[in-house]
């Protein structure tokens, strides 16, 4: 899978050899450097483990709180019901089917 954003390219695969081949092909065609495992991108923190990939924005949220001087603001509970479950909408056509 490859994702391109302006001048940043992120790629990955479950096949390590495929990643290495793609990296070699890209570096032979374009001036680029390998930065290693993805940890931070567009304000998102990325944590990769053997059980999955986890994405969060806690660093971004903390920076916003600091930026607007809200470090001492009163905490509030989640305004959404925590007992509500979201189900897949089976009536909508998948974008993959288009």
N, C-alpha and C. Protein backbone atom coordinates (compact mmCIF):
# COMPACT_ATOMS: atom_id res chain seq x y z
N UNK A 1 0.85 -1.17 0.00
CA UNK A 1 0.00 0.00 0.00
C UNK A 1 0.90 1.23 0.00
N UNK A 2 0.57 2.21 -0.81
CA UNK A 2 1.34 3.45 -0.90
C UNK A 2 0.40 4.62 -0.69
N UNK A 3 0.83 5.60 0.10
CA UNK A 3 0.05 6.81 0.34
C UNK A 3 0.98 7.99 0.09
N UNK A 4 0.55 8.92 -0.74
CA UNK A 4 1.36 10.08 -1.06
C UNK A 4 0.63 11.34 -0.60
N UNK A 5 1.34 12.21 0.11
CA UNK A 5 0.79 13.48 0.57
C UNK A 5 1.83 14.55 0.29
N UNK A 6 1.55 15.41 -0.67
CA UNK A 6 2.46 16.47 -1.12
C UNK A 6 3.82 15.86 -1.44
N UNK A 7 4.81 16.04 -0.58
CA UNK A 7 6.12 15.48 -0.87
C UNK A 7 6.49 14.35 0.08
N UNK A 8 5.53 13.79 0.77
CA UNK A 8 5.77 12.67 1.67
C UNK A 8 5.16 11.40 1.08
N UNK A 9 5.92 10.34 1.10
CA UNK A 9 5.43 9.05 0.62
C UNK A 9 5.52 8.06 1.78
N UNK A 10 4.43 7.39 2.03
CA UNK A 10 4.40 6.35 3.05
C UNK A 10 4.02 5.06 2.35
N UNK A 11 4.77 4.02 2.61
CA UNK A 11 4.41 2.73 2.01
C UNK A 11 4.66 1.63 3.02
N UNK A 12 3.95 0.55 2.81
CA UNK A 12 4.10 -0.59 3.69
C UNK A 12 3.52 -1.82 3.07
N UNK A 13 3.90 -2.94 3.60
CA UNK A 13 3.41 -4.22 3.11
C UNK A 13 3.60 -5.26 4.19
N UNK A 14 2.85 -6.32 4.11
CA UNK A 14 3.06 -7.44 5.02
C UNK A 14 4.25 -8.27 4.56
N UNK A 15 4.73 -8.00 3.34
CA UNK A 15 5.88 -8.70 2.76
C UNK A 15 7.10 -7.79 2.82
N UNK A 16 8.06 -8.10 3.71
CA UNK A 16 9.22 -7.24 3.90
C UNK A 16 10.06 -7.11 2.63
N UNK A 17 10.17 -8.19 1.86
CA UNK A 17 10.92 -8.15 0.61
C UNK A 17 10.29 -7.18 -0.38
N UNK A 18 8.96 -7.16 -0.44
CA UNK A 18 8.25 -6.25 -1.32
C UNK A 18 8.53 -4.80 -0.92
N UNK A 19 8.58 -4.50 0.37
CA UNK A 19 8.92 -3.15 0.85
C UNK A 19 10.32 -2.76 0.41
N UNK A 20 11.26 -3.67 0.56
CA UNK A 20 12.64 -3.37 0.19
C UNK A 20 12.76 -3.13 -1.32
N UNK A 21 12.08 -3.94 -2.12
CA UNK A 21 12.11 -3.77 -3.58
C UNK A 21 11.49 -2.43 -3.98
N UNK A 22 10.36 -2.10 -3.39
CA UNK A 22 9.70 -0.84 -3.70
C UNK A 22 10.58 0.34 -3.31
N UNK A 23 11.21 0.26 -2.13
CA UNK A 23 12.10 1.31 -1.67
C UNK A 23 13.25 1.49 -2.66
N UNK A 24 13.84 0.40 -3.08
CA UNK A 24 14.95 0.47 -4.04
C UNK A 24 14.49 1.10 -5.36
N UNK A 25 13.34 0.68 -5.86
CA UNK A 25 12.80 1.23 -7.11
C UNK A 25 12.55 2.73 -6.99
N UNK A 26 11.97 3.15 -5.89
CA UNK A 26 11.66 4.57 -5.68
C UNK A 26 12.94 5.40 -5.56
N UNK A 27 13.91 4.89 -4.82
CA UNK A 27 15.16 5.63 -4.63
C UNK A 27 15.97 5.71 -5.92
N UNK A 28 15.82 4.73 -6.81
CA UNK A 28 16.54 4.79 -8.08
C UNK A 28 15.88 5.78 -9.04
N UNK A 29 14.61 6.07 -8.83
CA UNK A 29 13.87 6.98 -9.71
C UNK A 29 13.78 8.40 -9.16
N UNK A 30 13.70 8.54 -7.83
CA UNK A 30 13.51 9.84 -7.19
C UNK A 30 14.55 10.06 -6.10
N UNK A 31 14.82 11.34 -5.82
CA UNK A 31 15.70 11.66 -4.70
C UNK A 31 14.88 11.56 -3.43
N UNK A 32 15.18 10.57 -2.62
CA UNK A 32 14.43 10.36 -1.40
C UNK A 32 15.28 9.64 -0.38
N UNK A 33 14.90 9.75 0.87
CA UNK A 33 15.60 9.04 1.94
C UNK A 33 14.59 8.24 2.74
N UNK A 34 15.05 7.16 3.29
CA UNK A 34 14.20 6.31 4.12
C UNK A 34 14.28 6.79 5.56
N UNK A 35 13.12 7.03 6.15
CA UNK A 35 13.06 7.54 7.51
C UNK A 35 12.80 6.45 8.53
N UNK A 36 12.57 5.24 8.09
CA UNK A 36 12.32 4.14 9.02
C UNK A 36 10.83 3.97 9.31
N UNK A 37 10.55 3.33 10.40
CA UNK A 37 9.17 3.04 10.77
C UNK A 37 8.38 4.33 11.05
N UNK A 38 7.16 4.37 10.56
CA UNK A 38 6.29 5.53 10.72
C UNK A 38 5.86 5.67 12.18
N UNK A 39 6.12 6.84 12.77
CA UNK A 39 5.70 7.11 14.15
C UNK A 39 4.78 8.32 14.25
N UNK A 40 4.93 9.26 13.33
CA UNK A 40 4.17 10.50 13.40
C UNK A 40 3.94 11.01 11.99
N UNK A 41 2.69 11.37 11.64
CA UNK A 41 2.39 11.85 10.30
C UNK A 41 1.12 12.70 10.34
N UNK A 42 1.22 13.94 9.85
CA UNK A 42 0.09 14.86 9.76
C UNK A 42 -0.68 14.99 11.08
N UNK A 43 0.05 15.11 12.16
CA UNK A 43 -0.59 15.27 13.47
C UNK A 43 -1.06 13.97 14.10
N UNK A 44 -0.86 12.86 13.41
CA UNK A 44 -1.28 11.56 13.94
C UNK A 44 -0.08 10.83 14.53
N UNK A 45 -0.26 10.23 15.68
CA UNK A 45 0.77 9.38 16.25
C UNK A 45 0.45 7.95 15.84
N UNK A 46 1.44 7.24 15.35
CA UNK A 46 1.26 5.89 14.85
C UNK A 46 2.09 4.94 15.71
N UNK A 47 1.46 3.91 16.24
CA UNK A 47 2.16 2.88 17.02
C UNK A 47 1.88 1.54 16.36
N UNK A 48 2.97 0.88 15.92
CA UNK A 48 2.82 -0.41 15.25
C UNK A 48 3.31 -1.52 16.18
N UNK A 49 2.45 -2.51 16.37
CA UNK A 49 2.80 -3.67 17.18
C UNK A 49 2.44 -4.93 16.40
N UNK A 50 2.76 -6.07 16.96
CA UNK A 50 2.43 -7.34 16.30
C UNK A 50 0.92 -7.58 16.27
N UNK A 51 0.19 -6.93 17.18
CA UNK A 51 -1.26 -7.14 17.24
C UNK A 51 -2.04 -6.13 16.41
N UNK A 52 -1.37 -5.09 15.90
CA UNK A 52 -2.09 -4.12 15.08
C UNK A 52 -1.39 -2.78 15.00
N UNK A 53 -2.03 -1.87 14.29
CA UNK A 53 -1.54 -0.50 14.13
C UNK A 53 -2.52 0.42 14.85
N UNK A 54 -2.00 1.25 15.74
CA UNK A 54 -2.83 2.12 16.55
C UNK A 54 -2.53 3.57 16.20
N UNK A 55 -3.58 4.35 15.99
CA UNK A 55 -3.46 5.74 15.59
C UNK A 55 -4.18 6.60 16.62
N UNK A 56 -3.52 7.67 17.08
CA UNK A 56 -4.21 8.59 17.99
C UNK A 56 -3.71 10.01 17.77
N UNK A 57 -4.41 10.96 18.36
CA UNK A 57 -4.08 12.38 18.20
C UNK A 57 -3.84 13.05 19.55
N UNK A 58 -3.41 12.30 20.54
CA UNK A 58 -3.26 12.89 21.88
C UNK A 58 -2.23 14.03 21.89
N UNK A 59 -1.12 13.89 21.17
CA UNK A 59 -0.11 14.95 21.13
C UNK A 59 -0.72 16.22 20.52
N UNK A 60 -1.45 16.07 19.43
CA UNK A 60 -2.10 17.21 18.78
C UNK A 60 -3.10 17.87 19.72
N UNK A 61 -3.89 17.07 20.42
CA UNK A 61 -4.88 17.61 21.36
C UNK A 61 -4.21 18.37 22.50
N UNK A 62 -3.12 17.81 23.03
CA UNK A 62 -2.40 18.50 24.11
C UNK A 62 -1.83 19.83 23.62
N UNK A 63 -1.32 19.85 22.38
CA UNK A 63 -0.80 21.10 21.82
C UNK A 63 -1.90 22.14 21.65
N UNK A 64 -3.09 21.72 21.23
CA UNK A 64 -4.22 22.64 21.10
C UNK A 64 -4.63 23.20 22.46
N UNK A 65 -4.70 22.34 23.45
CA UNK A 65 -5.07 22.77 24.80
C UNK A 65 -4.08 23.81 25.31
N UNK A 66 -2.79 23.54 25.08
CA UNK A 66 -1.76 24.50 25.50
C UNK A 66 -1.86 25.80 24.71
N UNK A 67 -2.04 25.69 23.41
CA UNK A 67 -2.11 26.87 22.52
C UNK A 67 -3.21 27.84 22.95
N UNK A 68 -4.34 27.31 23.38
CA UNK A 68 -5.46 28.15 23.76
C UNK A 68 -5.56 28.36 25.28
N UNK A 69 -4.49 28.01 26.00
CA UNK A 69 -4.43 28.27 27.44
C UNK A 69 -5.50 27.56 28.23
N UNK A 70 -5.79 26.34 27.87
CA UNK A 70 -6.87 25.61 28.55
C UNK A 70 -6.36 24.47 29.43
N UNK A 71 -5.08 24.53 29.83
CA UNK A 71 -4.52 23.45 30.65
C UNK A 71 -5.28 23.27 31.97
N UNK A 72 -5.81 24.35 32.51
CA UNK A 72 -6.52 24.27 33.79
C UNK A 72 -8.04 24.25 33.64
N UNK A 73 -8.51 24.01 32.43
CA UNK A 73 -9.96 23.97 32.19
C UNK A 73 -10.58 22.75 32.87
N UNK A 74 -11.84 22.89 33.21
CA UNK A 74 -12.57 21.80 33.87
C UNK A 74 -12.83 20.69 32.86
N UNK A 75 -12.58 19.46 33.27
CA UNK A 75 -12.85 18.31 32.41
C UNK A 75 -14.35 18.04 32.34
N UNK A 76 -14.80 17.56 31.21
CA UNK A 76 -16.21 17.22 31.03
C UNK A 76 -16.33 15.77 30.58
N UNK A 77 -17.44 15.16 30.91
CA UNK A 77 -17.70 13.79 30.49
C UNK A 77 -18.02 13.77 28.99
N UNK A 78 -17.89 12.63 28.39
CA UNK A 78 -18.22 12.46 26.98
C UNK A 78 -19.69 12.78 26.77
N UNK A 79 -20.03 13.68 25.84
CA UNK A 79 -21.44 14.06 25.64
C UNK A 79 -22.24 13.04 24.84
N UNK A 80 -21.66 11.90 24.54
CA UNK A 80 -22.34 10.87 23.76
C UNK A 80 -22.59 9.66 24.65
N UNK A 81 -23.66 8.98 24.39
CA UNK A 81 -23.98 7.80 25.16
C UNK A 81 -22.89 6.74 24.98
N UNK A 82 -22.43 6.20 26.08
CA UNK A 82 -21.39 5.16 26.01
C UNK A 82 -21.99 3.77 25.87
N UNK A 83 -23.32 3.67 25.96
CA UNK A 83 -23.96 2.36 25.82
C UNK A 83 -24.52 2.15 24.42
N UNK A 84 -24.33 3.11 23.54
CA UNK A 84 -24.82 3.04 22.17
C UNK A 84 -23.77 2.34 21.29
N UNK A 85 -24.21 1.42 20.43
CA UNK A 85 -23.29 0.72 19.53
C UNK A 85 -23.60 1.12 18.10
N UNK A 86 -22.55 1.35 17.32
CA UNK A 86 -22.71 1.72 15.92
C UNK A 86 -22.60 0.47 15.05
N UNK A 87 -23.55 0.32 14.16
CA UNK A 87 -23.56 -0.82 13.25
C UNK A 87 -23.24 -0.36 11.84
N UNK A 88 -22.77 -1.29 11.03
CA UNK A 88 -22.50 -1.01 9.62
C UNK A 88 -23.81 -0.73 8.91
N UNK A 89 -23.84 0.31 8.08
CA UNK A 89 -25.03 0.65 7.31
C UNK A 89 -25.04 -0.21 6.05
N UNK A 90 -25.83 -1.24 6.04
CA UNK A 90 -25.87 -2.19 4.92
C UNK A 90 -26.57 -1.62 3.69
N UNK A 91 -27.26 -0.47 3.84
CA UNK A 91 -28.03 0.09 2.71
C UNK A 91 -27.17 0.98 1.80
N UNK A 92 -25.96 1.31 2.23
CA UNK A 92 -25.10 2.21 1.46
C UNK A 92 -24.17 1.40 0.57
N UNK A 93 -24.00 1.85 -0.67
CA UNK A 93 -23.12 1.17 -1.61
C UNK A 93 -21.65 1.47 -1.22
N UNK A 94 -20.83 0.44 -1.17
CA UNK A 94 -19.42 0.60 -0.84
C UNK A 94 -18.72 1.39 -1.92
N UNK A 95 -17.75 2.23 -1.53
CA UNK A 95 -16.98 2.97 -2.51
C UNK A 95 -16.10 2.04 -3.32
N UNK A 96 -15.81 0.85 -2.79
CA UNK A 96 -15.01 -0.14 -3.51
C UNK A 96 -15.80 -0.77 -4.66
N UNK A 97 -17.13 -0.68 -4.63
CA UNK A 97 -17.98 -1.27 -5.66
C UNK A 97 -18.20 -0.33 -6.83
N UNK A 98 -17.72 0.88 -6.75
CA UNK A 98 -17.97 1.87 -7.81
C UNK A 98 -16.95 1.75 -8.91
